[in-house]
Amino acid sequence: MGAYTSHALNDVSTAGLFRLAQSVGMLPDIGIDATLIKYSGTDSAAKLREYSNHLRVLSTANGYLEKLGSTLMSYSGTVNSVGLGALVISFMLELAIRSAETDSDDTLNMLRREFAEEKASDVRDSMHEYMKRLGMHLRDPVKALEDTERLEKQLSGQLTRLRNSMLHDNQMSSRSMKHWVNGAAFHSQMLVHAARLKTTSTNSDFDVYLNSVSAVVDMYRNDLRDLLNKYKDYKRSTISLDEPHLGEDSLEEKAEMKDDETKTSLNFYYFYKFSEFTPSCNDLFTEYVNYMFTNWNQIKELNDYFTNIKDNMRELITQHDTFNV
């Protein structure tokens, strides 16, 4: 169990308790990786240019410009440098100057951040394999499409198994949730990229691809809703709020909240006036969990991610920006 932290809470509001839990790191990380979000929007080409300029300045200052320059030239003129294409180019640029003092929390470490504790993960392996294959075939849209369609089917099956294990096989955890949401976000981007490649290499109806990808994103939105409902039940089982006991001051009660999953705990005090009702431990616990899932920014961001993909689907598929040095 983590170190105990005592705090004075001037009221027993769930908002105050939630802010306190956030401040001591009690809430787990179930969010989509910032790097994946960075290259998921309609401005991914601009984000890549911004990042390549950042690496160029950094390389100049550290004497690695020549090392970076050859990689920049090798990818200059690459079409479809958007979405996962932009992410992979950022990966290759960073790899070229890996020994330089680049930001340690960007593209190279995305998969390590999401799957650091996993000795084996099918979802991680499929994502890593796709980034490698797309990096090899960025200039060959036919092979890039072949790899995208093959590996998206593989990842899709793995995500279905992971979803079912959480919903039906009592395998829910914050780590599993994080793996699924990142895998589903990545898979959605793979489907967008496949549709992007098809619109440049075939004469098929564009709306067929748009509707197909939109249907999968809708399924992920529904899956996310079901998984969050199950996850809420799971968090109820990992969080406990011990019955308060009277402190030395008769107007002060001390309570303890723990989260067995995150191995964190906190002691807090709340004060009450004789004219006010002090909620019971059970009431406070129920209100806290409900407030947590209504006001937790990461949950809002998860819902927004898939909604934004759906709302911007046409623009995401039709963008074919070229990366130029």
Protein backbone atom coordinates (compact mmCIF):
# COMPACT_ATOMS: atom_id res chain seq x y z
CA MET A 1 0.00 0.00 0.00
CA GLY A 2 1.26 3.46 -0.84
CA ALA A 3 2.20 5.98 1.77
CA TYR A 4 -0.68 7.50 3.66
CA THR A 5 -1.39 11.15 3.01
CA SER A 6 -3.46 13.20 5.44
CA HIS A 7 -5.42 16.20 4.25
CA ALA A 8 -7.96 18.52 5.82
CA LEU A 9 -11.19 18.72 3.86
CA ASN A 10 -13.40 21.58 4.91
CA ASP A 11 -16.55 19.92 3.64
CA VAL A 12 -17.71 16.47 2.66
CA SER A 13 -18.53 17.31 -0.94
CA THR A 14 -17.75 14.66 -3.51
CA ALA A 15 -16.11 17.35 -5.66
CA GLY A 16 -13.65 18.11 -2.87
CA LEU A 17 -12.88 14.45 -2.33
CA PHE A 18 -12.41 13.90 -6.07
CA ARG A 19 -9.95 16.79 -6.34
CA LEU A 20 -8.06 15.39 -3.38
CA ALA A 21 -7.87 11.92 -4.97
CA GLN A 22 -6.57 13.44 -8.21
CA SER A 23 -3.91 15.45 -6.37
CA VAL A 24 -2.41 12.37 -4.71
CA GLY A 25 -2.43 10.21 -7.87
CA MET A 26 -5.24 7.90 -6.84
CA LEU A 27 -6.89 7.86 -10.28
CA PRO A 28 -5.37 5.38 -12.77
CA ASP A 29 -4.35 6.26 -16.32
CA ILE A 30 -6.81 4.87 -18.87
CA GLY A 31 -6.30 7.52 -21.54
CA ILE A 32 -5.23 7.35 -25.17
CA ASP A 33 -1.56 8.13 -25.63
CA ALA A 34 -0.87 11.80 -26.34
CA THR A 35 1.30 10.97 -29.37
CA LEU A 36 -1.48 8.95 -31.00
CA ILE A 37 -3.95 11.76 -30.34
CA LYS A 38 -1.47 14.24 -31.78
CA TYR A 39 -1.51 12.55 -35.19
CA SER A 40 -5.19 11.54 -35.24
CA GLY A 41 -6.79 14.83 -36.21
CA THR A 42 -7.21 16.82 -39.39
CA ASP A 43 -4.07 18.83 -38.52
CA SER A 44 -1.69 15.84 -38.41
CA ALA A 45 0.39 17.13 -41.35
CA ALA A 46 0.93 20.44 -39.55
CA LYS A 47 1.84 18.56 -36.35
CA LEU A 48 4.47 16.56 -38.28
CA ARG A 49 5.99 19.72 -39.78
CA GLU A 50 6.07 21.31 -36.35
CA TYR A 51 7.76 18.26 -34.85
CA SER A 52 10.32 17.90 -37.66
CA ASN A 53 11.23 21.57 -37.20
CA HIS A 54 11.62 20.97 -33.48
CA LEU A 55 13.96 18.03 -34.13
CA ARG A 56 15.90 20.08 -36.67
CA VAL A 57 16.53 22.86 -34.15
CA LEU A 58 17.41 20.32 -31.48
CA SER A 59 19.78 18.47 -33.83
CA THR A 60 21.50 21.68 -34.88
CA ALA A 61 22.16 22.56 -31.26
CA ASN A 62 23.52 19.08 -30.52
CA GLY A 63 25.47 18.44 -33.71
CA TYR A 64 23.10 15.85 -35.17
CA LEU A 65 21.72 17.83 -38.09
CA GLU A 66 23.58 15.75 -40.69
CA LYS A 67 22.25 12.55 -39.15
CA LEU A 68 18.69 13.90 -39.19
CA GLY A 69 19.08 15.54 -42.61
CA SER A 70 19.56 12.29 -44.50
CA THR A 71 16.37 10.87 -42.97
CA LEU A 72 14.47 14.06 -43.71
CA MET A 73 15.49 13.86 -47.35
CA SER A 74 14.54 10.18 -47.60
CA TYR A 75 10.96 10.99 -46.55
CA SER A 76 10.66 14.32 -48.35
CA GLY A 77 7.98 14.11 -51.03
CA THR A 78 6.15 11.24 -49.31
CA VAL A 79 2.42 11.47 -49.99
CA ASN A 80 -0.23 10.46 -47.44
CA SER A 81 1.98 11.85 -44.67
CA VAL A 82 -1.06 12.27 -42.45
CA GLY A 83 -2.60 10.25 -39.65
CA LEU A 84 -0.59 7.09 -39.04
CA GLY A 85 1.63 8.07 -41.97
CA ALA A 86 2.62 11.21 -40.08
CA LEU A 87 3.09 9.25 -36.86
CA VAL A 88 5.40 6.74 -38.54
CA ILE A 89 7.51 9.49 -40.15
CA SER A 90 7.87 11.16 -36.76
CA PHE A 91 9.00 7.78 -35.41
CA MET A 92 11.63 7.43 -38.14
CA LEU A 93 12.92 10.96 -37.64
CA GLU A 94 13.28 10.41 -33.94
CA LEU A 95 14.92 7.04 -34.49
CA ALA A 96 17.52 8.70 -36.73
CA ILE A 97 18.77 10.83 -33.85
CA ARG A 98 17.98 8.47 -31.00
CA SER A 99 21.27 9.20 -29.31
CA ALA A 100 20.48 12.93 -29.25
CA GLU A 101 18.69 14.51 -26.33
CA THR A 102 15.21 14.27 -27.81
CA ASP A 103 12.06 14.41 -25.73
CA SER A 104 11.82 11.05 -23.96
CA ASP A 105 8.03 10.96 -23.96
CA ASP A 106 7.27 11.17 -27.67
CA THR A 107 6.82 8.71 -30.52
CA LEU A 108 9.57 6.20 -29.79
CA ASN A 109 8.19 5.51 -26.33
CA MET A 110 4.50 5.37 -27.22
CA LEU A 111 4.20 1.59 -27.13
CA ARG A 112 6.49 1.30 -24.12
CA ARG A 113 4.26 3.69 -22.21
CA GLU A 114 1.09 1.81 -23.08
CA PHE A 115 2.37 -1.73 -22.59
CA ALA A 116 5.34 -1.35 -20.24
CA GLU A 117 4.19 -4.00 -17.78
CA GLU A 118 3.22 -6.58 -20.37
CA LYS A 119 5.54 -9.49 -21.06
CA ALA A 120 3.25 -10.53 -23.91
CA SER A 121 0.57 -8.51 -25.68
CA ASP A 122 -0.97 -9.35 -29.04
CA VAL A 123 -2.37 -5.83 -29.36
CA ARG A 124 1.03 -4.24 -28.76
CA ASP A 125 2.75 -6.61 -31.19
CA SER A 126 0.26 -5.88 -33.99
CA MET A 127 0.59 -2.14 -33.50
CA HIS A 128 4.39 -2.38 -33.49
CA GLU A 129 4.43 -4.60 -36.58
CA TYR A 130 2.19 -2.20 -38.46
CA MET A 131 4.34 0.81 -37.65
CA LYS A 132 7.36 -1.14 -38.93
CA ARG A 133 5.63 -2.29 -42.12
CA LEU A 134 4.12 1.11 -42.89
CA GLY A 135 7.54 2.68 -42.39
CA MET A 136 8.94 0.27 -44.98
CA HIS A 137 6.21 0.94 -47.55
CA LEU A 138 5.26 4.58 -47.13
CA ARG A 139 6.31 5.22 -50.74
CA ASP A 140 4.58 2.10 -52.04
CA PRO A 141 0.82 2.56 -51.61
CA VAL A 142 -0.01 -0.90 -52.97
CA LYS A 143 2.13 -2.73 -50.40
CA ALA A 144 1.13 -0.25 -47.69
CA LEU A 145 -2.52 -1.06 -48.37
CA GLU A 146 -1.84 -4.81 -48.34
CA ASP A 147 -0.13 -4.56 -44.95
CA THR A 148 -2.82 -2.25 -43.59
CA GLU A 149 -5.66 -4.58 -44.54
CA ARG A 150 -3.85 -7.68 -43.28
CA LEU A 151 -2.80 -6.22 -39.92
CA GLU A 152 -6.03 -4.34 -39.24
CA LYS A 153 -7.91 -7.63 -39.46
CA GLN A 154 -5.43 -9.17 -37.06
CA LEU A 155 -5.69 -6.28 -34.61
CA SER A 156 -9.49 -6.26 -34.91
CA GLY A 157 -9.70 -9.87 -33.74
CA GLN A 158 -7.35 -9.22 -30.85
CA LEU A 159 -9.41 -6.23 -29.71
CA THR A 160 -12.59 -8.31 -29.86
CA ARG A 161 -11.01 -10.95 -27.62
CA LEU A 162 -9.77 -8.31 -25.20
CA ARG A 163 -13.19 -6.64 -25.11
CA ASN A 164 -14.95 -9.93 -24.43
CA SER A 165 -12.49 -10.89 -21.70
CA MET A 166 -13.27 -7.64 -19.87
CA LEU A 167 -17.03 -7.75 -20.39
CA HIS A 168 -17.67 -11.46 -19.92
CA ASP A 169 -14.65 -13.18 -18.37
CA ASN A 170 -14.03 -11.03 -15.29
CA GLN A 171 -10.76 -9.70 -16.69
CA MET A 172 -11.50 -6.01 -16.22
CA SER A 173 -8.67 -3.76 -15.02
CA SER A 174 -7.39 -0.25 -15.66
CA ARG A 175 -4.47 -1.69 -17.61
CA SER A 176 -6.78 -3.73 -19.85
CA MET A 177 -8.97 -0.69 -20.42
CA LYS A 178 -5.93 1.37 -21.42
CA HIS A 179 -4.77 -1.35 -23.81
CA TRP A 180 -8.20 -1.61 -25.43
CA VAL A 181 -8.81 2.13 -25.89
CA ASN A 182 -5.35 2.65 -27.39
CA GLY A 183 -5.74 -0.39 -29.62
CA ALA A 184 -9.21 0.70 -30.75
CA ALA A 185 -7.95 4.22 -31.45
CA PHE A 186 -5.01 2.85 -33.44
CA HIS A 187 -7.25 0.41 -35.34
CA SER A 188 -9.63 3.24 -36.24
CA GLN A 189 -6.70 5.16 -37.70
CA MET A 190 -5.61 2.08 -39.66
CA LEU A 191 -9.06 1.87 -41.23
CA VAL A 192 -8.98 5.56 -42.09
CA HIS A 193 -5.55 5.11 -43.67
CA ALA A 194 -6.74 2.10 -45.68
CA ALA A 195 -9.70 4.11 -47.00
CA ARG A 196 -7.31 6.96 -47.82
CA LEU A 197 -5.10 4.62 -49.83
CA LYS A 198 -8.06 3.06 -51.64
CA THR A 199 -9.44 6.39 -52.77
CA THR A 200 -6.18 7.08 -54.60
CA SER A 201 -5.73 3.62 -56.15
CA THR A 202 -9.24 2.55 -57.19
CA ASN A 203 -12.35 4.01 -58.74
CA SER A 204 -14.68 2.56 -56.13
CA ASP A 205 -17.36 4.70 -54.56
CA PHE A 206 -15.83 6.87 -51.85
CA ASP A 207 -18.94 6.63 -49.67
CA VAL A 208 -18.52 2.86 -49.44
CA TYR A 209 -15.24 3.32 -47.60
CA LEU A 210 -16.51 6.20 -45.52
CA ASN A 211 -19.58 4.28 -44.36
CA SER A 212 -17.55 1.16 -43.64
CA VAL A 213 -15.07 2.94 -41.38
CA SER A 214 -17.83 4.98 -39.74
CA ALA A 215 -19.68 1.77 -38.85
CA VAL A 216 -16.61 0.38 -37.06
CA VAL A 217 -16.04 3.64 -35.18
CA ASP A 218 -19.70 3.57 -34.10
CA MET A 219 -19.16 0.03 -32.80
CA TYR A 220 -16.15 1.22 -30.83
CA ARG A 221 -18.22 4.03 -29.35
CA ASN A 222 -20.82 1.50 -28.23
CA ASP A 223 -18.14 -0.85 -26.94
CA LEU A 224 -16.59 2.00 -25.00
CA ARG A 225 -19.92 2.79 -23.36
CA ASP A 226 -20.37 -0.85 -22.31
CA LEU A 227 -16.79 -1.16 -21.12
CA LEU A 228 -17.01 2.05 -19.07
CA ASN A 229 -20.16 0.76 -17.36
CA LYS A 230 -18.32 -2.45 -16.50
CA TYR A 231 -15.24 -0.48 -15.49
CA LYS A 232 -17.32 1.63 -13.12
CA ASP A 233 -18.46 -1.53 -11.35
CA TYR A 234 -14.84 -2.68 -11.24
CA LYS A 235 -13.65 0.56 -9.65
CA ARG A 236 -16.38 0.24 -7.02
CA SER A 237 -14.70 -3.02 -6.05
CA THR A 238 -11.17 -1.57 -5.81
CA ILE A 239 -12.02 1.64 -3.92
CA SER A 240 -12.99 1.55 -0.26
CA LEU A 241 -13.98 4.29 2.14
CA ASP A 242 -13.60 3.30 5.78
CA GLU A 243 -16.21 4.36 8.28
CA PRO A 244 -15.10 7.65 9.84
CA HIS A 245 -14.24 7.72 13.50
CA LEU A 246 -14.39 10.63 15.88
CA GLY A 247 -11.12 12.50 16.35
CA GLU A 248 -9.88 14.29 19.43
CA ASP A 249 -11.92 17.31 18.42
CA SER A 250 -15.58 16.41 18.72
CA LEU A 251 -16.34 18.43 15.57
CA GLU A 252 -13.82 16.51 13.49
CA GLU A 253 -14.08 13.08 11.93
CA LYS A 254 -11.26 11.18 10.26
CA ALA A 255 -11.77 8.82 7.32
CA GLU A 256 -9.59 6.79 4.99
CA MET A 257 -10.02 6.06 1.29
CA LYS A 258 -8.00 3.38 -0.49
CA ASP A 259 -7.65 2.10 -4.03
CA ASP A 260 -6.29 -1.44 -4.04
CA GLU A 261 -5.53 -1.29 -7.77
CA THR A 262 -3.40 1.85 -7.76
CA LYS A 263 -1.96 1.02 -4.33
CA THR A 264 -2.74 4.49 -3.06
CA SER A 265 -4.55 5.69 0.01
CA LEU A 266 -5.33 8.91 1.77
CA ASN A 267 -6.54 10.03 5.15
CA PHE A 268 -8.77 13.04 5.23
CA TYR A 269 -10.63 15.00 7.81
CA TYR A 270 -13.96 16.64 7.42
CA PHE A 271 -15.71 19.05 9.68
CA TYR A 272 -19.40 19.50 10.20
CA LYS A 273 -21.75 21.86 11.94
CA PHE A 274 -24.43 20.60 14.22
CA SER A 275 -27.09 22.13 11.96
CA GLU A 276 -25.88 20.23 8.88
CA PHE A 277 -26.31 16.62 7.87
CA THR A 278 -23.12 14.62 7.57
CA PRO A 279 -23.57 11.87 4.92
CA SER A 280 -22.97 8.27 5.89
CA CYS A 281 -19.90 6.43 4.67
CA ASN A 282 -21.97 4.43 2.15
CA ASP A 283 -23.68 7.53 0.79
CA LEU A 284 -20.38 9.38 0.45
CA PHE A 285 -18.78 6.40 -1.33
CA THR A 286 -21.64 6.04 -3.83
CA GLU A 287 -21.70 9.77 -4.53
CA TYR A 288 -17.92 9.82 -4.97
CA VAL A 289 -17.85 7.01 -7.56
CA ASN A 290 -20.71 8.58 -9.51
CA TYR A 291 -19.04 11.99 -9.43
CA MET A 292 -15.70 10.46 -10.47
CA PHE A 293 -17.14 8.91 -13.62
CA THR A 294 -19.07 12.05 -14.51
CA ASN A 295 -16.18 14.48 -14.03
CA TRP A 296 -13.07 12.45 -14.88
CA ASN A 297 -11.48 14.26 -17.83
CA GLN A 298 -9.94 11.10 -19.28
CA ILE A 299 -13.37 9.55 -19.75
CA LYS A 300 -14.62 12.65 -21.54
CA GLU A 301 -11.51 12.60 -23.74
CA LEU A 302 -12.09 8.94 -24.63
CA ASN A 303 -15.63 9.64 -25.78
CA ASP A 304 -14.52 12.78 -27.62
CA TYR A 305 -11.77 10.90 -29.48
CA PHE A 306 -14.11 8.50 -31.29
CA THR A 307 -16.78 11.17 -31.75
CA ASN A 308 -14.23 13.48 -33.41
CA ILE A 309 -13.13 10.72 -35.78
CA LYS A 310 -16.75 10.10 -36.77
CA ASP A 311 -17.53 13.80 -37.21
CA ASN A 312 -14.40 14.47 -39.30
CA MET A 313 -14.33 11.18 -41.21
CA ARG A 314 -14.69 12.62 -44.69
CA GLU A 315 -11.90 15.15 -44.20
CA LEU A 316 -9.62 12.58 -42.56
CA ILE A 317 -9.94 10.17 -45.48
CA THR A 318 -9.58 12.78 -48.22
CA GLN A 319 -6.43 14.45 -46.89
CA HIS A 320 -3.31 13.32 -48.79
CA ASP A 321 -0.72 15.86 -47.66
CA THR A 322 2.87 15.44 -48.80
CA PHE A 323 5.76 15.74 -46.36
CA ASN A 324 8.34 18.18 -47.70
CA VAL A 325 11.58 19.34 -46.14
